Amino acid sequence: MKSYSIALIPGDGIGQDVTEAAWDVLQVAAKAGDFYLEGTVFPWSCAHFMETGAMMPKDGIELLRRFDAILLGAVGWPAQVPDSVSLHGLLLPIRKSFVQYANMRPHRLLPGVEGPLKASAFDILCIRENTEGEYSGAGGRVHQGTADEVAVETAIFTRTGVERILRFGFEQARARRGKLASVTKSNAQKHSMVFWDDVTRELSAAYPDVEVTSYHIDAMAARMVMAPETLDVIVASNLFGDILTDLGAAIQGGLGFAASANINPDRSAPSMFEPVHGSAPDIAHLGVANPIAAIWSGALMLDHLGEKDAAARVMAAIEATTARGIGTRPGRDRTETITAAILSALS
């Protein structure tokens, strides 16, 4: 029987609840698909930071490297640990060390879910550059605490980084409906974003079957609200992709449905899968977190591992559950109720 080793990082807050729910569903899907998922839990979190002074141990990256994939719950507990510390201490090092440069986030309305828009037939795949750009961490502060204090944050755009994320986007568009939207702000950022536009035009010659349109970030935000059904694949920089995917989560009914995959396309290191709703301290440990985003992320993981039939069965079970009205409204159904309904639909 084929076996996959999975690193489980439940993290903080509701991440622990939704990871447990996702793992229960994935185990059932694996059994039906005649393969095995072997999970190893790592307690790396803000609580771990409070105990040890680090979000993960010094050899954390090497410990993770041997796994086939990583399933992450959520990281963050700002009342105790600043988000800048938790993010740069765990999530960003994993993404960068394992060259998970393609962040994929699907946005569509599940059956039975009512979004805030009139449109109900959109199916958008947002692809966010995940390792450089505005989140490179280059910069610093000088003269701190004085009237002359200066803060510099430098966005880093390399030809390698921009080309590879755009190629990834073109390939995804080719496999879907053949439409690619490239997002910049080149009218205001005349160096990095004009460079991105130039590379988009250069690469488009290799993909004559893909319709390419370049948008400014503000125009794309408006289009996602006014005409989401016109969009197929969106590719954007780290910051712009981060913003647009939160908007995508909003139009698909909320963060409870927002799944994501941090992909290492050449598979030289493990990829990481996570819901993007965060740790939600206000509802942590109340048993009301929606596990659908985490379970959907698990389906993306199965697909990446090559278990496409199992991934499709998990998605079908999610859709059958929401079609019954279960898990479609924040706080109405308990985590265990939604999970049980999805497990029942899988059987």
C-alpha atoms as a PDB file:
ATOM      1  CA  MET A   1       0.000   0.000   0.000  1.00  0.00           C
ATOM      2  CA  LYS A   2       1.313   3.424  -0.931  1.00  0.00           C
ATOM      3  CA  SER A   3       2.153   5.606   2.065  1.00  0.00           C
ATOM      4  CA  TYR A   4       2.734   9.338   2.517  1.00  0.00           C
ATOM      5  CA  SER A   5       4.390  11.013   5.490  1.00  0.00           C
ATOM      6  CA  ILE A   6       2.623  14.212   6.544  1.00  0.00           C
ATOM      7  CA  ALA A   7       3.899  16.817   9.000  1.00  0.00           C
ATOM      8  CA  LEU A   8       1.013  18.220  11.039  1.00  0.00           C
ATOM      9  CA  ILE A   9       1.441  21.680  12.554  1.00  0.00           C
ATOM     10  CA  PRO A  10      -1.888  22.526  14.238  1.00  0.00           C
ATOM     11  CA  GLY A  11      -0.488  25.829  15.517  1.00  0.00           C
ATOM     12  CA  ASP A  12      -2.627  28.225  17.517  1.00  0.00           C
ATOM     13  CA  GLY A  13      -6.285  28.803  18.366  1.00  0.00           C
ATOM     14  CA  ILE A  14      -8.784  27.249  15.996  1.00  0.00           C
ATOM     15  CA  GLY A  15      -5.924  25.814  13.973  1.00  0.00           C
ATOM     16  CA  GLN A  16      -5.847  22.918  16.401  1.00  0.00           C
ATOM     17  CA  ASP A  17      -9.551  22.146  15.961  1.00  0.00           C
ATOM     18  CA  VAL A  18      -9.659  22.412  12.170  1.00  0.00           C
ATOM     19  CA  THR A  19      -6.467  20.397  11.707  1.00  0.00           C
ATOM     20  CA  GLU A  20      -7.930  17.558  13.738  1.00  0.00           C
ATOM     21  CA  ALA A  21     -11.108  17.700  11.656  1.00  0.00           C
ATOM     22  CA  ALA A  22      -9.199  17.750   8.370  1.00  0.00           C
ATOM     23  CA  TRP A  23      -7.000  14.861   9.449  1.00  0.00           C
ATOM     24  CA  ASP A  24     -10.044  12.739  10.346  1.00  0.00           C
ATOM     25  CA  VAL A  25     -11.503  13.332   6.882  1.00  0.00           C
ATOM     26  CA  LEU A  26      -8.217  12.695   5.099  1.00  0.00           C
ATOM     27  CA  GLN A  27      -7.731   9.400   6.940  1.00  0.00           C
ATOM     28  CA  VAL A  28     -11.125   8.159   5.776  1.00  0.00           C
ATOM     29  CA  ALA A  29     -10.409   9.287   2.208  1.00  0.00           C
ATOM     30  CA  ALA A  30      -7.042   7.516   2.299  1.00  0.00           C
ATOM     31  CA  LYS A  31      -8.560   4.260   3.538  1.00  0.00           C
ATOM     32  CA  ALA A  32     -11.130   4.322   0.737  1.00  0.00           C
ATOM     33  CA  GLY A  33      -8.404   5.148  -1.771  1.00  0.00           C
ATOM     34  CA  ASP A  34      -6.172   2.277  -0.631  1.00  0.00           C
ATOM     35  CA  PHE A  35      -3.270   4.436   0.510  1.00  0.00           C
ATOM     36  CA  TYR A  36      -1.953   5.437   3.903  1.00  0.00           C
ATOM     37  CA  LEU A  37      -1.264   8.819   5.494  1.00  0.00           C
ATOM     38  CA  GLU A  38       1.239   8.749   8.341  1.00  0.00           C
ATOM     39  CA  GLY A  39       1.060  11.933  10.410  1.00  0.00           C
ATOM     40  CA  THR A  40       3.631  13.399  12.781  1.00  0.00           C
ATOM     41  CA  VAL A  41       2.505  16.294  14.982  1.00  0.00           C
ATOM     42  CA  PHE A  42       4.800  19.252  15.672  1.00  0.00           C
ATOM     43  CA  PRO A  43       3.624  21.572  18.489  1.00  0.00           C
ATOM     44  CA  TRP A  44       5.195  24.685  16.975  1.00  0.00           C
ATOM     45  CA  SER A  45       3.103  27.716  17.778  1.00  0.00           C
ATOM     46  CA  CYS A  46       2.983  30.949  19.759  1.00  0.00           C
ATOM     47  CA  ALA A  47       2.641  28.821  22.894  1.00  0.00           C
ATOM     48  CA  HIS A  48       5.867  27.103  21.874  1.00  0.00           C
ATOM     49  CA  PHE A  49       7.455  30.537  21.466  1.00  0.00           C
ATOM     50  CA  MET A  50       6.362  31.561  24.951  1.00  0.00           C
ATOM     51  CA  GLU A  51       7.990  28.420  26.352  1.00  0.00           C
ATOM     52  CA  THR A  52      11.172  28.327  24.294  1.00  0.00           C
ATOM     53  CA  GLY A  53      11.717  31.754  22.746  1.00  0.00           C
ATOM     54  CA  ALA A  54      11.348  30.363  19.211  1.00  0.00           C
ATOM     55  CA  MET A  55       8.430  29.484  16.963  1.00  0.00           C
ATOM     56  CA  MET A  56      10.232  26.289  15.962  1.00  0.00           C
ATOM     57  CA  PRO A  57      13.577  24.718  16.888  1.00  0.00           C
ATOM     58  CA  LYS A  58      16.776  25.574  15.019  1.00  0.00           C
ATOM     59  CA  ASP A  59      16.618  22.293  13.112  1.00  0.00           C
ATOM     60  CA  GLY A  60      12.913  22.703  12.342  1.00  0.00           C
ATOM     61  CA  ILE A  61      13.358  23.084   8.595  1.00  0.00           C
ATOM     62  CA  GLU A  62      15.521  19.973   8.397  1.00  0.00           C
ATOM     63  CA  LEU A  63      12.991  18.039  10.462  1.00  0.00           C
ATOM     64  CA  LEU A  64      10.265  18.972   7.974  1.00  0.00           C
ATOM     65  CA  ARG A  65      12.321  18.305   4.876  1.00  0.00           C
ATOM     66  CA  ARG A  66      11.849  14.527   5.016  1.00  0.00           C
ATOM     67  CA  PHE A  67       8.043  14.737   4.782  1.00  0.00           C
ATOM     68  CA  ASP A  68       5.955  14.421   1.632  1.00  0.00           C
ATOM     69  CA  ALA A  69       3.753  17.364   2.620  1.00  0.00           C
ATOM     70  CA  ILE A  70       2.899  19.702   5.492  1.00  0.00           C
ATOM     71  CA  LEU A  71      -0.607  20.404   6.804  1.00  0.00           C
ATOM     72  CA  LEU A  72      -0.735  23.624   8.818  1.00  0.00           C
ATOM     73  CA  GLY A  73      -3.648  24.801  10.965  1.00  0.00           C
ATOM     74  CA  ALA A  74      -3.051  28.451  11.826  1.00  0.00           C
ATOM     75  CA  VAL A  75      -0.350  30.538  13.449  1.00  0.00           C
ATOM     76  CA  GLY A  76      -0.780  33.629  15.583  1.00  0.00           C
ATOM     77  CA  TRP A  77      -1.699  34.838  19.044  1.00  0.00           C
ATOM     78  CA  PRO A  78      -1.114  38.595  18.906  1.00  0.00           C
ATOM     79  CA  ALA A  79      -2.000  39.196  22.558  1.00  0.00           C
ATOM     80  CA  GLN A  80       1.147  37.272  23.497  1.00  0.00           C
ATOM     81  CA  VAL A  81       3.362  37.233  20.407  1.00  0.00           C
ATOM     82  CA  PRO A  82       3.448  39.980  17.734  1.00  0.00           C
ATOM     83  CA  ASP A  83       2.305  38.775  14.321  1.00  0.00           C
ATOM     84  CA  SER A  84       5.606  39.968  12.860  1.00  0.00           C
ATOM     85  CA  VAL A  85       7.373  37.483  15.149  1.00  0.00           C
ATOM     86  CA  SER A  86       5.075  34.506  14.575  1.00  0.00           C
ATOM     87  CA  LEU A  87       4.957  35.018  10.800  1.00  0.00           C
ATOM     88  CA  HIS A  88       8.700  35.468  10.342  1.00  0.00           C
ATOM     89  CA  GLY A  89       9.462  32.714  12.828  1.00  0.00           C
ATOM     90  CA  LEU A  90       7.498  29.885  11.221  1.00  0.00           C
ATOM     91  CA  LEU A  91       5.371  30.421   8.144  1.00  0.00           C
ATOM     92  CA  LEU A  92       7.709  32.550   6.013  1.00  0.00           C
ATOM     93  CA  PRO A  93      10.834  30.464   6.740  1.00  0.00           C
ATOM     94  CA  ILE A  94       8.995  27.311   5.635  1.00  0.00           C
ATOM     95  CA  ARG A  95       7.764  28.934   2.428  1.00  0.00           C
ATOM     96  CA  LYS A  96      11.187  30.332   1.565  1.00  0.00           C
ATOM     97  CA  SER A  97      13.343  27.387   2.656  1.00  0.00           C
ATOM     98  CA  PHE A  98      11.270  24.918   0.655  1.00  0.00           C
ATOM     99  CA  VAL A  99      10.916  27.286  -2.325  1.00  0.00           C
ATOM    100  CA  GLN A 100       7.134  27.176  -2.097  1.00  0.00           C
ATOM    101  CA  TYR A 101       6.934  30.061  -4.509  1.00  0.00           C
ATOM    102  CA  ALA A 102       3.416  29.407  -5.790  1.00  0.00           C
ATOM    103  CA  ASN A 103       0.558  30.104  -3.396  1.00  0.00           C
ATOM    104  CA  MET A 104      -2.710  28.819  -4.865  1.00  0.00           C
ATOM    105  CA  ARG A 105      -6.102  29.857  -3.513  1.00  0.00           C
ATOM    106  CA  PRO A 106      -9.360  28.730  -5.171  1.00  0.00           C
ATOM    107  CA  HIS A 107     -12.375  31.029  -4.961  1.00  0.00           C
ATOM    108  CA  ARG A 108     -15.849  29.773  -5.843  1.00  0.00           C
ATOM    109  CA  LEU A 109     -19.182  29.442  -4.106  1.00  0.00           C
ATOM    110  CA  LEU A 110     -19.868  25.988  -2.746  1.00  0.00           C
ATOM    111  CA  PRO A 111     -23.431  24.658  -3.163  1.00  0.00           C
ATOM    112  CA  GLY A 112     -25.750  26.174  -0.584  1.00  0.00           C
ATOM    113  CA  VAL A 113     -23.380  29.021   0.291  1.00  0.00           C
ATOM    114  CA  GLU A 114     -24.634  32.536  -0.292  1.00  0.00           C
ATOM    115  CA  GLY A 115     -21.939  35.104  -0.944  1.00  0.00           C
ATOM    116  CA  PRO A 116     -22.371  38.861  -0.691  1.00  0.00           C
ATOM    117  CA  LEU A 117     -22.535  39.335  -4.468  1.00  0.00           C
ATOM    118  CA  LYS A 118     -25.277  38.786  -7.005  1.00  0.00           C
ATOM    119  CA  ALA A 119     -22.889  36.670  -9.062  1.00  0.00           C
ATOM    120  CA  SER A 120     -22.922  32.989  -8.149  1.00  0.00           C
ATOM    121  CA  ALA A 121     -21.098  31.239 -10.988  1.00  0.00           C
ATOM    122  CA  PHE A 122     -17.529  32.473 -10.624  1.00  0.00           C
ATOM    123  CA  ASP A 123     -14.543  30.118 -10.409  1.00  0.00           C
ATOM    124  CA  ILE A 124     -11.288  31.964  -9.778  1.00  0.00           C
ATOM    125  CA  LEU A 125      -7.839  30.588  -9.033  1.00  0.00           C
ATOM    126  CA  CYS A 126      -5.594  33.217  -7.436  1.00  0.00           C
ATOM    127  CA  ILE A 127      -1.876  32.545  -7.692  1.00  0.00           C
ATOM    128  CA  ARG A 128       0.289  34.638  -5.400  1.00  0.00           C
ATOM    129  CA  GLU A 129       4.061  34.880  -5.610  1.00  0.00           C
ATOM    130  CA  ASN A 130       5.083  33.497  -2.251  1.00  0.00           C
ATOM    131  CA  THR A 131       8.804  33.971  -1.540  1.00  0.00           C
ATOM    132  CA  GLU A 132       9.948  37.459  -2.521  1.00  0.00           C
ATOM    133  CA  GLY A 133       8.362  40.752  -3.604  1.00  0.00           C
ATOM    134  CA  GLU A 134       7.046  42.982  -0.865  1.00  0.00           C
ATOM    135  CA  TYR A 135       7.513  40.322   1.843  1.00  0.00           C
ATOM    136  CA  SER A 136      11.219  39.773   1.242  1.00  0.00           C
ATOM    137  CA  GLY A 137      12.123  41.279   4.599  1.00  0.00           C
ATOM    138  CA  ALA A 138      14.839  43.523   3.143  1.00  0.00           C
ATOM    139  CA  GLY A 139      15.188  46.844   4.939  1.00  0.00           C
ATOM    140  CA  GLY A 140      15.516  48.202   8.426  1.00  0.00           C
ATOM    141  CA  ARG A 141      15.045  51.074  10.856  1.00  0.00           C
ATOM    142  CA  VAL A 142      17.588  53.624  11.982  1.00  0.00           C
ATOM    143  CA  HIS A 143      17.542  56.405  14.593  1.00  0.00           C
ATOM    144  CA  GLN A 144      14.754  54.535  16.380  1.00  0.00           C
ATOM    145  CA  GLY A 145      12.807  56.495  18.947  1.00  0.00           C
ATOM    146  CA  THR A 146      13.963  59.869  17.657  1.00  0.00           C
ATOM    147  CA  ALA A 147      12.356  62.513  15.474  1.00  0.00           C
ATOM    148  CA  ASP A 148      14.730  61.435  12.700  1.00  0.00           C
ATOM    149  CA  GLU A 149      13.664  57.802  12.687  1.00  0.00           C
ATOM    150  CA  VAL A 150      13.629  56.170   9.243  1.00  0.00           C
ATOM    151  CA  ALA A 151      12.041  52.875   8.208  1.00  0.00           C
ATOM    152  CA  VAL A 152      12.906  51.269   4.876  1.00  0.00           C
ATOM    153  CA  GLU A 153      11.115  48.230   3.435  1.00  0.00           C
ATOM    154  CA  THR A 154      12.530  47.118   0.102  1.00  0.00           C
ATOM    155  CA  ALA A 155      10.532  44.928  -2.255  1.00  0.00           C
ATOM    156  CA  ILE A 156      12.714  42.438  -4.118  1.00  0.00           C
ATOM    157  CA  PHE A 157      11.695  41.265  -7.587  1.00  0.00           C
ATOM    158  CA  THR A 158      14.078  38.935  -9.418  1.00  0.00           C
ATOM    159  CA  ARG A 159      13.718  37.802 -12.993  1.00  0.00           C
ATOM    160  CA  THR A 160      13.859  34.203 -11.770  1.00  0.00           C
ATOM    161  CA  GLY A 161      11.082  34.807  -9.259  1.00  0.00           C
ATOM    162  CA  VAL A 162       8.800  36.740 -11.591  1.00  0.00           C
ATOM    163  CA  GLU A 163       9.292  34.406 -14.551  1.00  0.00           C
ATOM    164  CA  ARG A 164       8.616  31.241 -12.605  1.00  0.00           C
ATOM    165  CA  ILE A 165       5.397  32.457 -10.960  1.00  0.00           C
ATOM    166  CA  LEU A 166       4.099  33.778 -14.275  1.00  0.00           C
ATOM    167  CA  ARG A 167       4.948  30.503 -16.021  1.00  0.00           C
ATOM    168  CA  PHE A 168       3.129  28.659 -13.267  1.00  0.00           C
ATOM    169  CA  GLY A 169       0.124  30.920 -13.832  1.00  0.00           C
ATOM    170  CA  PHE A 170       0.198  30.410 -17.584  1.00  0.00           C
ATOM    171  CA  GLU A 171       0.279  26.631 -17.110  1.00  0.00           C
ATOM    172  CA  GLN A 172      -2.668  26.742 -14.718  1.00  0.00           C
ATOM    173  CA  ALA A 173      -4.638  28.918 -17.144  1.00  0.00           C
ATOM    174  CA  ARG A 174      -3.838  26.533 -19.992  1.00  0.00           C
ATOM    175  CA  ALA A 175      -5.224  23.648 -17.926  1.00  0.00           C
ATOM    176  CA  ARG A 176      -8.387  25.596 -17.015  1.00  0.00           C
ATOM    177  CA  ARG A 177     -10.237  28.059 -19.248  1.00  0.00           C
ATOM    178  CA  GLY A 178      -7.293  29.721 -20.959  1.00  0.00           C
ATOM    179  CA  LYS A 179      -7.494  33.175 -19.370  1.00  0.00           C
ATOM    180  CA  LEU A 180      -4.763  34.830 -17.335  1.00  0.00           C
ATOM    181  CA  ALA A 181      -5.018  38.134 -15.465  1.00  0.00           C
ATOM    182  CA  SER A 182      -1.673  39.621 -14.431  1.00  0.00           C
ATOM    183  CA  VAL A 183      -1.944  42.193 -11.635  1.00  0.00           C
ATOM    184  CA  THR A 184       0.434  45.088 -10.962  1.00  0.00           C
ATOM    185  CA  LYS A 185       0.426  48.809 -10.197  1.00  0.00           C
ATOM    186  CA  SER A 186       2.799  49.823 -12.961  1.00  0.00           C
ATOM    187  CA  ASN A 187       1.362  53.302 -13.371  1.00  0.00           C
ATOM    188  CA  ALA A 188       2.697  54.180  -9.907  1.00  0.00           C
ATOM    189  CA  GLN A 189       5.536  51.700  -9.321  1.00  0.00           C
ATOM    190  CA  LYS A 190       7.645  52.379 -12.363  1.00  0.00           C
ATOM    191  CA  HIS A 191      10.439  49.921 -11.663  1.00  0.00           C
ATOM    192  CA  SER A 192       9.241  46.657 -10.100  1.00  0.00           C
ATOM    193  CA  MET A 193       5.746  46.613 -11.562  1.00  0.00           C
ATOM    194  CA  VAL A 194       6.791  47.763 -15.045  1.00  0.00           C
ATOM    195  CA  PHE A 195       9.349  44.960 -14.892  1.00  0.00           C
ATOM    196  CA  TRP A 196       6.554  42.492 -14.022  1.00  0.00           C
ATOM    197  CA  ASP A 197       4.475  43.750 -16.967  1.00  0.00           C
ATOM    198  CA  ASP A 198       7.473  43.409 -19.296  1.00  0.00           C
ATOM    199  CA  VAL A 199       8.092  39.809 -18.243  1.00  0.00           C
ATOM    200  CA  THR A 200       4.386  39.030 -18.685  1.00  0.00           C
ATOM    201  CA  ARG A 201       4.516  40.271 -22.268  1.00  0.00           C
ATOM    202  CA  GLU A 202       7.716  38.346 -22.978  1.00  0.00           C
ATOM    203  CA  LEU A 203       6.310  35.056 -21.679  1.00  0.00           C
ATOM    204  CA  SER A 204       2.936  35.435 -23.357  1.00  0.00           C
ATOM    205  CA  ALA A 205       4.570  34.617 -26.711  1.00  0.00           C
ATOM    206  CA  ALA A 206       5.148  31.066 -25.466  1.00  0.00           C
ATOM    207  CA  TYR A 207       1.459  30.683 -24.562  1.00  0.00           C
ATOM    208  CA  PRO A 208      -0.510  31.792 -27.635  1.00  0.00           C
ATOM    209  CA  ASP A 209      -3.467  29.699 -26.458  1.00  0.00           C
ATOM    210  CA  VAL A 210      -3.831  31.763 -23.257  1.00  0.00           C
ATOM    211  CA  GLU A 211      -5.638  35.110 -23.312  1.00  0.00           C
ATOM    212  CA  VAL A 212      -3.589  37.533 -21.208  1.00  0.00           C
ATOM    213  CA  THR A 213      -4.865  40.767 -19.681  1.00  0.00           C
ATOM    214  CA  SER A 214      -2.887  43.085 -17.412  1.00  0.00           C
ATOM    215  CA  TYR A 215      -4.750  44.907 -14.650  1.00  0.00           C
ATOM    216  CA  HIS A 216      -3.827  47.433 -12.010  1.00  0.00           C
ATOM    217  CA  ILE A 217      -4.514  46.178  -8.498  1.00  0.00           C
ATOM    218  CA  ASP A 218      -7.324  48.663  -7.880  1.00  0.00           C
ATOM    219  CA  ALA A 219      -9.053  47.752 -11.129  1.00  0.00           C
ATOM    220  CA  MET A 220      -8.739  44.052 -10.315  1.00  0.00           C
ATOM    221  CA  ALA A 221     -10.249  44.566  -6.870  1.00  0.00           C
ATOM    222  CA  ALA A 222     -13.224  46.263  -8.503  1.00  0.00           C
ATOM    223  CA  ARG A 223     -13.571  43.525 -11.130  1.00  0.00           C
ATOM    224  CA  MET A 224     -13.577  40.784  -8.495  1.00  0.00           C
ATOM    225  CA  VAL A 225     -16.578  42.490  -6.934  1.00  0.00           C
ATOM    226  CA  MET A 226     -18.423  43.680 -10.028  1.00  0.00           C
ATOM    227  CA  ALA A 227     -17.713  40.879 -12.527  1.00  0.00           C
ATOM    228  CA  PRO A 228     -15.985  37.889 -10.883  1.00  0.00           C
ATOM    229  CA  GLU A 229     -17.456  35.528 -13.475  1.00  0.00           C
ATOM    230  CA  THR A 230     -15.146  37.085 -16.113  1.00  0.00           C
ATOM    231  CA  LEU A 231     -12.005  35.909 -14.301  1.00  0.00           C
ATOM    232  CA  ASP A 232     -10.172  32.595 -14.493  1.00  0.00           C
ATOM    233  CA  VAL A 233      -6.561  32.634 -13.235  1.00  0.00           C
ATOM    234  CA  ILE A 234      -5.115  35.675 -11.462  1.00  0.00           C
ATOM    235  CA  VAL A 235      -1.377  36.066 -10.878  1.00  0.00           C
ATOM    236  CA  ALA A 236      -0.050  38.727  -8.530  1.00  0.00           C
ATOM    237  CA  SER A 237       2.903  39.660  -6.362  1.00  0.00           C
ATOM    238  CA  ASN A 238       3.183  38.652  -2.733  1.00  0.00           C
ATOM    239  CA  LEU A 239       1.425  41.714  -1.291  1.00  0.00           C
ATOM    240  CA  PHE A 240      -1.156  42.180  -4.022  1.00  0.00           C
ATOM    241  CA  GLY A 241      -1.922  38.461  -4.042  1.00  0.00           C
ATOM    242  CA  ASP A 242      -2.365  38.504  -0.272  1.00  0.00           C
ATOM    243  CA  ILE A 243      -4.915  41.323  -0.496  1.00  0.00           C
ATOM    244  CA  LEU A 244      -6.806  39.921  -3.478  1.00  0.00           C
ATOM    245  CA  THR A 245      -7.156  36.471  -1.948  1.00  0.00           C
ATOM    246  CA  ASP A 246      -8.760  37.904   1.175  1.00  0.00           C
ATOM    247  CA  LEU A 247     -11.199  39.658  -1.137  1.00  0.00           C
ATOM    248  CA  GLY A 248     -11.694  36.343  -2.914  1.00  0.00           C
ATOM    249  CA  ALA A 249     -12.481  34.687   0.413  1.00  0.00           C
ATOM    250  CA  ALA A 250     -15.054  37.378   1.131  1.00  0.00           C
ATOM    251  CA  ILE A 251     -16.924  36.915  -2.139  1.00  0.00           C
ATOM    252  CA  GLN A 252     -16.946  33.130  -1.724  1.00  0.00           C
ATOM    253  CA  GLY A 253     -18.748  33.410   1.583  1.00  0.00           C
ATOM    254  CA  GLY A 254     -16.028  34.078   4.129  1.00  0.00           C
ATOM    255  CA  LEU A 255     -12.711  32.875   5.486  1.00  0.00           C
ATOM    256  CA  GLY A 256     -14.293  29.609   6.606  1.00  0.00           C
ATOM    257  CA  PHE A 257     -14.112  28.502   2.952  1.00  0.00           C
ATOM    258  CA  ALA A 258     -10.655  29.880   2.129  1.00  0.00           C
ATOM    259  CA  ALA A 259      -8.241  27.046   1.336  1.00  0.00           C
ATOM    260  CA  SER A 260      -4.681  27.415   0.124  1.00  0.00           C
ATOM    261  CA  ALA A 261      -1.643  25.530  -1.083  1.00  0.00           C
ATOM    262  CA  ASN A 262       1.979  26.656  -0.856  1.00  0.00           C
ATOM    263  CA  ILE A 263       3.491  24.730  -3.742  1.00  0.00           C
ATOM    264  CA  ASN A 264       7.052  23.747  -4.557  1.00  0.00           C
ATOM    265  CA  PRO A 265       6.379  22.990  -8.237  1.00  0.00           C
ATOM    266  CA  ASP A 266       9.523  20.948  -8.915  1.00  0.00           C
ATOM    267  CA  ARG A 267       8.843  18.827  -5.791  1.00  0.00           C
ATOM    268  CA  SER A 268      12.416  19.191  -4.528  1.00  0.00           C
ATOM    269  CA  ALA A 269      10.962  19.897  -1.063  1.00  0.00           C
ATOM    270  CA  PRO A 270       7.582  19.405   0.622  1.00  0.00           C
ATOM    271  CA  SER A 271       4.657  21.691  -0.146  1.00  0.00           C
ATOM    272  CA  MET A 272       2.457  23.079   2.616  1.00  0.00           C
ATOM    273  CA  PHE A 273      -1.332  23.281   2.778  1.00  0.00           C
ATOM    274  CA  GLU A 274      -3.310  25.550   5.084  1.00  0.00           C
ATOM    275  CA  PRO A 275      -6.602  27.363   5.566  1.00  0.00           C
ATOM    276  CA  VAL A 276      -6.068  31.121   5.511  1.00  0.00           C
ATOM    277  CA  HIS A 277      -8.532  32.128   8.224  1.00  0.00           C
ATOM    278  CA  GLY A 278      -5.888  32.529  10.914  1.00  0.00           C
ATOM    279  CA  SER A 279      -6.066  31.420  14.524  1.00  0.00           C
ATOM    280  CA  ALA A 280      -9.222  33.454  15.371  1.00  0.00           C
ATOM    281  CA  PRO A 281      -8.470  33.952  19.094  1.00  0.00           C
ATOM    282  CA  ASP A 282     -11.999  35.281  19.710  1.00  0.00           C
ATOM    283  CA  ILE A 283     -13.543  31.874  18.964  1.00  0.00           C
ATOM    284  CA  ALA A 284     -10.625  29.625  19.873  1.00  0.00           C
ATOM    285  CA  HIS A 285     -11.549  26.411  21.710  1.00  0.00           C
ATOM    286  CA  LEU A 286     -15.294  27.135  21.515  1.00  0.00           C
ATOM    287  CA  GLY A 287     -15.900  24.358  18.984  1.00  0.00           C
ATOM    288  CA  VAL A 288     -17.557  26.645  16.434  1.00  0.00           C
ATOM    289  CA  ALA A 289     -14.758  27.038  13.875  1.00  0.00           C
ATOM    290  CA  ASN A 290     -15.691  26.041  10.337  1.00  0.00           C
ATOM    291  CA  PRO A 291     -13.316  23.232   9.293  1.00  0.00           C
ATOM    292  CA  ILE A 292     -14.223  23.376   5.590  1.00  0.00           C
ATOM    293  CA  ALA A 293     -11.248  25.564   4.607  1.00  0.00           C
ATOM    294  CA  ALA A 294      -8.861  23.149   6.335  1.00  0.00           C
ATOM    295  CA  ILE A 295     -10.534  20.103   4.771  1.00  0.00           C
ATOM    296  CA  TRP A 296     -10.496  21.773   1.349  1.00  0.00           C
ATOM    297  CA  SER A 297      -6.776  22.473   1.879  1.00  0.00           C
ATOM    298  CA  GLY A 298      -6.387  18.772   2.649  1.00  0.00           C
ATOM    299  CA  ALA A 299      -8.049  17.960  -0.663  1.00  0.00           C
ATOM    300  CA  LEU A 300      -5.511  20.218  -2.397  1.00  0.00           C
ATOM    301  CA  MET A 301      -2.791  18.243  -0.612  1.00  0.00           C
ATOM    302  CA  LEU A 302      -4.164  14.916  -1.840  1.00  0.00           C
ATOM    303  CA  ASP A 303      -4.323  16.284  -5.375  1.00  0.00           C
ATOM    304  CA  HIS A 304      -0.708  17.444  -5.152  1.00  0.00           C
ATOM    305  CA  LEU A 305       0.360  14.009  -3.886  1.00  0.00           C
ATOM    306  CA  GLY A 306      -1.218  12.474  -6.970  1.00  0.00           C
ATOM    307  CA  GLU A 307      -4.266  11.017  -5.202  1.00  0.00           C
ATOM    308  CA  LYS A 308      -6.669  12.861  -7.455  1.00  0.00           C
ATOM    309  CA  ASP A 309      -9.613  10.495  -7.019  1.00  0.00           C
ATOM    310  CA  ALA A 310      -9.426  10.830  -3.242  1.00  0.00           C
ATOM    311  CA  ALA A 311      -9.170  14.614  -3.558  1.00  0.00           C
ATOM    312  CA  ALA A 312     -12.257  14.644  -5.766  1.00  0.00           C
ATOM    313  CA  ARG A 313     -14.164  12.505  -3.255  1.00  0.00           C
ATOM    314  CA  VAL A 314     -13.310  14.892  -0.422  1.00  0.00           C
ATOM    315  CA  MET A 315     -14.476  17.871  -2.459  1.00  0.00           C
ATOM    316  CA  ALA A 316     -17.672  16.047  -3.404  1.00  0.00           C
ATOM    317  CA  ALA A 317     -18.307  15.332   0.293  1.00  0.00           C
ATOM    318  CA  ILE A 318     -17.765  18.999   1.175  1.00  0.00           C
ATOM    319  CA  GLU A 319     -20.188  20.063  -1.557  1.00  0.00           C
ATOM    320  CA  ALA A 320     -22.790  17.512  -0.505  1.00  0.00           C
ATOM    321  CA  THR A 321     -22.542  18.843   3.051  1.00  0.00           C
ATOM    322  CA  THR A 322     -22.916  22.516   2.159  1.00  0.00           C
ATOM    323  CA  ALA A 323     -25.740  21.677  -0.255  1.00  0.00           C
ATOM    324  CA  ARG A 324     -27.639  20.462   2.825  1.00  0.00           C
ATOM    325  CA  GLY A 325     -27.034  23.825   4.467  1.00  0.00           C
ATOM    326  CA  ILE A 326     -24.474  22.477   6.938  1.00  0.00           C
ATOM    327  CA  GLY A 327     -21.484  24.709   7.508  1.00  0.00           C
ATOM    328  CA  THR A 328     -22.793  27.480   5.318  1.00  0.00           C
ATOM    329  CA  ARG A 329     -23.300  30.147   7.970  1.00  0.00           C
ATOM    330  CA  PRO A 330     -20.654  31.331  10.457  1.00  0.00           C
ATOM    331  CA  GLY A 331     -21.196  30.034  13.977  1.00  0.00           C
ATOM    332  CA  ARG A 332     -24.427  28.183  13.299  1.00  0.00           C
ATOM    333  CA  ASP A 333     -22.982  24.665  13.152  1.00  0.00           C
ATOM    334  CA  ARG A 334     -20.333  23.289  15.458  1.00  0.00           C
ATOM    335  CA  THR A 335     -17.005  22.044  14.157  1.00  0.00           C
ATOM    336  CA  GLU A 336     -17.842  18.458  15.052  1.00  0.00           C
ATOM    337  CA  THR A 337     -21.235  18.679  13.302  1.00  0.00           C
ATOM    338  CA  ILE A 338     -19.718  19.866  10.026  1.00  0.00           C
ATOM    339  CA  THR A 339     -16.943  17.281  10.219  1.00  0.00           C
ATOM    340  CA  ALA A 340     -19.391  14.452  10.932  1.00  0.00           C
ATOM    341  CA  ALA A 341     -21.539  15.481   7.961  1.00  0.00           C
ATOM    342  CA  ILE A 342     -18.542  15.447   5.626  1.00  0.00           C
ATOM    343  CA  LEU A 343     -17.414  12.072   6.970  1.00  0.00           C
ATOM    344  CA  SER A 344     -20.936  10.724   6.430  1.00  0.00           C
ATOM    345  CA  ALA A 345     -20.917  12.008   2.832  1.00  0.00           C
ATOM    346  CA  LEU A 346     -17.595  10.231   2.271  1.00  0.00           C
ATOM    347  CA  SER A 347     -18.914   6.854   3.387  1.00  0.00           C
END
